[in-house]
Amino acid sequence: MKSKRSLYTSSKLIKFFFCIVALIWIVPAGKLFFKGQISSGFKVLILGIIYILAVFVVQTYFIKMIMLYQKNLDKATKNYKNRKVIKNKGGYLK
C-alpha cells in the first residue's frame, strides 16, 4: 500500500503525546503522595493509567480501521481504472 505512511504520524510523536498525557496524571498523584494523601494519590494514578490505556486502545483501533479503509479504497481505485466499458442495449456500463 503506497499511501500507508500518510495515514498516521511517526511513532516518536505518539510516544511524546503519551508522555505528556502521563505527566498530566503523574504530577498531581506525586503531589498527593508528598502531602500524605497516599490513597488519593493511588486513585489518581490508577485513573490516569486506565485513561491512558483506553486512549491507546482507541487510537490503535482507529489507525487499523483507517489503514483498512485506505487499502480498500486503493483496491477499488485500481479496479476502476482497469475496468472495461461495455454498452448494453439498456445503456448500462460495466
N, C-alpha and C. Protein backbone atom coordinates (compact mmCIF):
# COMPACT_ATOMS: atom_id res chain seq x y z
N MET A 1 0.86 -1.17 0.00
CA MET A 1 0.00 0.00 0.00
C MET A 1 0.90 1.23 0.00
N LYS A 2 0.82 2.03 -1.04
CA LYS A 2 1.73 3.14 -1.18
C LYS A 2 1.37 4.33 -0.30
N SER A 3 0.15 4.46 0.14
CA SER A 3 -0.27 5.62 0.94
C SER A 3 -0.32 5.30 2.42
N LYS A 4 0.35 4.24 2.86
CA LYS A 4 0.32 3.82 4.26
C LYS A 4 0.96 4.86 5.16
N ARG A 5 2.06 5.45 4.74
CA ARG A 5 2.79 6.38 5.58
C ARG A 5 2.00 7.66 5.86
N SER A 6 1.12 8.05 4.98
CA SER A 6 0.38 9.29 5.17
C SER A 6 -0.81 9.14 6.11
N LEU A 7 -1.07 7.93 6.59
CA LEU A 7 -2.25 7.70 7.41
C LEU A 7 -2.02 7.92 8.90
N TYR A 8 -0.80 7.92 9.33
CA TYR A 8 -0.54 8.11 10.75
C TYR A 8 0.77 8.84 10.94
N THR A 9 0.92 9.45 12.09
CA THR A 9 2.13 10.20 12.38
C THR A 9 3.23 9.25 12.83
N SER A 10 4.42 9.78 13.00
CA SER A 10 5.53 8.93 13.38
C SER A 10 5.35 8.42 14.82
N SER A 11 6.03 7.35 15.13
CA SER A 11 5.91 6.76 16.47
C SER A 11 6.52 7.67 17.53
N LYS A 12 7.48 8.52 17.15
CA LYS A 12 8.07 9.45 18.11
C LYS A 12 7.03 10.45 18.61
N LEU A 13 6.20 10.94 17.72
CA LEU A 13 5.15 11.89 18.13
C LEU A 13 4.11 11.22 19.01
N ILE A 14 3.78 9.97 18.70
CA ILE A 14 2.81 9.25 19.51
C ILE A 14 3.36 9.01 20.91
N LYS A 15 4.65 8.62 20.99
CA LYS A 15 5.27 8.41 22.30
C LYS A 15 5.34 9.72 23.08
N PHE A 16 5.66 10.82 22.40
CA PHE A 16 5.69 12.13 23.05
C PHE A 16 4.31 12.50 23.60
N PHE A 17 3.28 12.25 22.80
CA PHE A 17 1.91 12.53 23.24
C PHE A 17 1.56 11.76 24.51
N PHE A 18 1.90 10.47 24.54
CA PHE A 18 1.58 9.67 25.72
C PHE A 18 2.41 10.07 26.92
N CYS A 19 3.63 10.55 26.71
CA CYS A 19 4.44 11.06 27.83
C CYS A 19 3.81 12.31 28.42
N ILE A 20 3.34 13.20 27.58
CA ILE A 20 2.68 14.42 28.07
C ILE A 20 1.40 14.07 28.82
N VAL A 21 0.61 13.15 28.27
CA VAL A 21 -0.63 12.75 28.95
C VAL A 21 -0.31 12.07 30.28
N ALA A 22 0.75 11.28 30.31
CA ALA A 22 1.15 10.62 31.56
C ALA A 22 1.57 11.64 32.60
N LEU A 23 2.29 12.69 32.17
CA LEU A 23 2.70 13.73 33.12
C LEU A 23 1.50 14.43 33.75
N ILE A 24 0.45 14.59 32.96
CA ILE A 24 -0.76 15.23 33.48
C ILE A 24 -1.31 14.45 34.67
N TRP A 25 -1.16 13.15 34.66
CA TRP A 25 -1.66 12.32 35.75
C TRP A 25 -0.62 12.06 36.84
N ILE A 26 0.65 11.98 36.45
CA ILE A 26 1.70 11.65 37.41
C ILE A 26 1.98 12.82 38.36
N VAL A 27 2.01 14.04 37.85
CA VAL A 27 2.33 15.20 38.69
C VAL A 27 1.31 15.38 39.82
N PRO A 28 0.00 15.39 39.55
CA PRO A 28 -0.95 15.53 40.67
C PRO A 28 -0.88 14.35 41.65
N ALA A 29 -0.65 13.14 41.12
CA ALA A 29 -0.53 11.98 42.01
C ALA A 29 0.69 12.12 42.90
N GLY A 30 1.81 12.60 42.34
CA GLY A 30 3.01 12.82 43.14
C GLY A 30 2.82 13.87 44.21
N LYS A 31 2.09 14.94 43.88
CA LYS A 31 1.81 15.98 44.87
C LYS A 31 0.97 15.42 46.01
N LEU A 32 0.01 14.58 45.67
CA LEU A 32 -0.81 13.97 46.72
C LEU A 32 0.01 13.03 47.59
N PHE A 33 0.95 12.30 46.99
CA PHE A 33 1.82 11.42 47.78
C PHE A 33 2.65 12.24 48.77
N PHE A 34 3.19 13.35 48.32
CA PHE A 34 4.03 14.17 49.20
C PHE A 34 3.23 14.86 50.29
N LYS A 35 1.94 15.13 50.04
CA LYS A 35 1.09 15.74 51.06
C LYS A 35 0.61 14.72 52.08
N GLY A 36 0.88 13.47 51.84
CA GLY A 36 0.46 12.43 52.78
C GLY A 36 -0.87 11.79 52.44
N GLN A 37 -1.44 12.14 51.34
CA GLN A 37 -2.73 11.57 50.92
C GLN A 37 -2.44 10.42 49.94
N ILE A 38 -1.92 9.35 50.48
CA ILE A 38 -1.46 8.24 49.65
C ILE A 38 -2.61 7.55 48.93
N SER A 39 -3.72 7.36 49.61
CA SER A 39 -4.84 6.67 48.97
C SER A 39 -5.40 7.51 47.81
N SER A 40 -5.47 8.82 47.99
CA SER A 40 -5.95 9.68 46.90
C SER A 40 -4.95 9.68 45.75
N GLY A 41 -3.66 9.64 46.08
CA GLY A 41 -2.64 9.59 45.04
C GLY A 41 -2.73 8.33 44.22
N PHE A 42 -2.96 7.20 44.89
CA PHE A 42 -3.12 5.94 44.16
C PHE A 42 -4.37 5.96 43.27
N LYS A 43 -5.44 6.57 43.78
CA LYS A 43 -6.67 6.65 42.96
C LYS A 43 -6.43 7.46 41.70
N VAL A 44 -5.74 8.59 41.84
CA VAL A 44 -5.46 9.43 40.67
C VAL A 44 -4.53 8.70 39.71
N LEU A 45 -3.54 8.01 40.25
CA LEU A 45 -2.59 7.28 39.42
C LEU A 45 -3.28 6.14 38.66
N ILE A 46 -4.13 5.39 39.34
CA ILE A 46 -4.87 4.29 38.69
C ILE A 46 -5.82 4.83 37.64
N LEU A 47 -6.52 5.93 37.94
CA LEU A 47 -7.41 6.54 36.97
C LEU A 47 -6.64 6.99 35.74
N GLY A 48 -5.46 7.57 35.95
CA GLY A 48 -4.63 8.00 34.83
C GLY A 48 -4.17 6.85 33.97
N ILE A 49 -3.77 5.76 34.60
CA ILE A 49 -3.32 4.58 33.85
C ILE A 49 -4.46 4.01 33.02
N ILE A 50 -5.64 3.93 33.60
CA ILE A 50 -6.81 3.42 32.87
C ILE A 50 -7.14 4.34 31.69
N TYR A 51 -7.07 5.65 31.92
CA TYR A 51 -7.37 6.61 30.86
C TYR A 51 -6.37 6.48 29.71
N ILE A 52 -5.07 6.40 30.04
CA ILE A 52 -4.04 6.28 29.01
C ILE A 52 -4.20 4.98 28.22
N LEU A 53 -4.50 3.89 28.90
CA LEU A 53 -4.73 2.62 28.20
C LEU A 53 -5.94 2.69 27.28
N ALA A 54 -7.00 3.35 27.74
CA ALA A 54 -8.20 3.48 26.90
C ALA A 54 -7.89 4.30 25.65
N VAL A 55 -7.16 5.40 25.81
CA VAL A 55 -6.80 6.22 24.65
C VAL A 55 -5.91 5.43 23.69
N PHE A 56 -4.98 4.66 24.23
CA PHE A 56 -4.09 3.85 23.39
C PHE A 56 -4.87 2.81 22.59
N VAL A 57 -5.80 2.14 23.24
CA VAL A 57 -6.60 1.11 22.55
C VAL A 57 -7.45 1.74 21.45
N VAL A 58 -8.10 2.85 21.75
CA VAL A 58 -8.93 3.52 20.75
C VAL A 58 -8.08 4.02 19.59
N GLN A 59 -6.92 4.60 19.89
CA GLN A 59 -6.05 5.09 18.84
C GLN A 59 -5.55 3.95 17.96
N THR A 60 -5.18 2.85 18.55
CA THR A 60 -4.72 1.69 17.78
C THR A 60 -5.84 1.17 16.88
N TYR A 61 -7.06 1.10 17.41
CA TYR A 61 -8.20 0.62 16.62
C TYR A 61 -8.46 1.55 15.42
N PHE A 62 -8.45 2.85 15.67
CA PHE A 62 -8.73 3.79 14.58
C PHE A 62 -7.64 3.77 13.52
N ILE A 63 -6.39 3.62 13.91
CA ILE A 63 -5.32 3.53 12.92
C ILE A 63 -5.51 2.30 12.05
N LYS A 64 -5.83 1.16 12.66
CA LYS A 64 -6.06 -0.06 11.87
C LYS A 64 -7.27 0.10 10.96
N MET A 65 -8.32 0.74 11.47
CA MET A 65 -9.53 0.93 10.68
C MET A 65 -9.25 1.84 9.48
N ILE A 66 -8.51 2.91 9.69
CA ILE A 66 -8.21 3.83 8.60
C ILE A 66 -7.30 3.18 7.57
N MET A 67 -6.35 2.38 8.03
CA MET A 67 -5.46 1.68 7.09
C MET A 67 -6.24 0.67 6.25
N LEU A 68 -7.19 -0.04 6.86
CA LEU A 68 -8.02 -0.98 6.11
C LEU A 68 -8.89 -0.24 5.10
N TYR A 69 -9.44 0.91 5.50
CA TYR A 69 -10.24 1.71 4.59
C TYR A 69 -9.40 2.17 3.40
N GLN A 70 -8.17 2.63 3.68
CA GLN A 70 -7.29 3.09 2.61
C GLN A 70 -6.93 1.95 1.67
N LYS A 71 -6.70 0.76 2.22
CA LYS A 71 -6.38 -0.41 1.39
C LYS A 71 -7.54 -0.73 0.46
N ASN A 72 -8.75 -0.72 1.00
CA ASN A 72 -9.94 -0.99 0.18
C ASN A 72 -10.16 0.10 -0.86
N LEU A 73 -9.89 1.34 -0.48
CA LEU A 73 -10.03 2.45 -1.42
C LEU A 73 -9.02 2.35 -2.56
N ASP A 74 -7.78 2.00 -2.22
CA ASP A 74 -6.76 1.82 -3.26
C ASP A 74 -7.13 0.69 -4.20
N LYS A 75 -7.65 -0.41 -3.65
CA LYS A 75 -8.06 -1.56 -4.46
C LYS A 75 -9.22 -1.18 -5.39
N ALA A 76 -10.19 -0.44 -4.86
CA ALA A 76 -11.34 -0.03 -5.68
C ALA A 76 -10.90 0.94 -6.77
N THR A 77 -9.97 1.83 -6.46
CA THR A 77 -9.48 2.77 -7.45
C THR A 77 -8.74 2.04 -8.57
N LYS A 78 -7.93 1.05 -8.20
CA LYS A 78 -7.20 0.26 -9.19
C LYS A 78 -8.17 -0.50 -10.08
N ASN A 79 -9.20 -1.10 -9.48
CA ASN A 79 -10.21 -1.83 -10.27
C ASN A 79 -10.98 -0.89 -11.17
N TYR A 80 -11.24 0.32 -10.71
CA TYR A 80 -11.99 1.29 -11.51
C TYR A 80 -11.17 1.73 -12.72
N LYS A 81 -9.87 1.90 -12.53
CA LYS A 81 -9.01 2.32 -13.64
C LYS A 81 -8.84 1.21 -14.66
N ASN A 82 -8.89 -0.04 -14.23
CA ASN A 82 -8.68 -1.18 -15.13
C ASN A 82 -9.98 -1.76 -15.69
N ARG A 83 -11.09 -1.11 -15.50
CA ARG A 83 -12.37 -1.66 -15.95
C ARG A 83 -12.51 -1.53 -17.46
N LYS A 84 -13.36 -2.37 -18.01
CA LYS A 84 -13.68 -2.31 -19.44
C LYS A 84 -15.09 -1.75 -19.55
N VAL A 85 -15.27 -0.79 -20.41
CA VAL A 85 -16.57 -0.17 -20.58
C VAL A 85 -17.30 -0.88 -21.71
N ILE A 86 -18.47 -1.43 -21.38
CA ILE A 86 -19.28 -2.17 -22.34
C ILE A 86 -20.68 -1.58 -22.32
N LYS A 87 -21.18 -1.22 -23.48
CA LYS A 87 -22.54 -0.70 -23.55
C LYS A 87 -23.50 -1.84 -23.85
N ASN A 88 -24.48 -1.98 -23.01
CA ASN A 88 -25.53 -2.95 -23.25
C ASN A 88 -26.68 -2.27 -23.99
N LYS A 89 -27.66 -3.06 -24.37
CA LYS A 89 -28.82 -2.48 -25.04
C LYS A 89 -29.59 -1.54 -24.12
N GLY A 90 -29.53 -1.83 -22.84
CA GLY A 90 -30.23 -0.97 -21.88
C GLY A 90 -29.45 0.27 -21.51
N GLY A 91 -28.24 0.38 -21.96
CA GLY A 91 -27.44 1.57 -21.71
C GLY A 91 -26.62 1.48 -20.42
N TYR A 92 -26.49 0.31 -19.86
CA TYR A 92 -25.72 0.16 -18.61
C TYR A 92 -24.23 0.06 -18.95
N LEU A 93 -23.43 0.54 -18.03
CA LEU A 93 -21.99 0.44 -18.16
C LEU A 93 -21.47 -0.56 -17.16
N LYS A 94 -20.51 -1.36 -17.59
CA LYS A 94 -19.89 -2.32 -16.69
C LYS A 94 -18.44 -1.93 -16.51
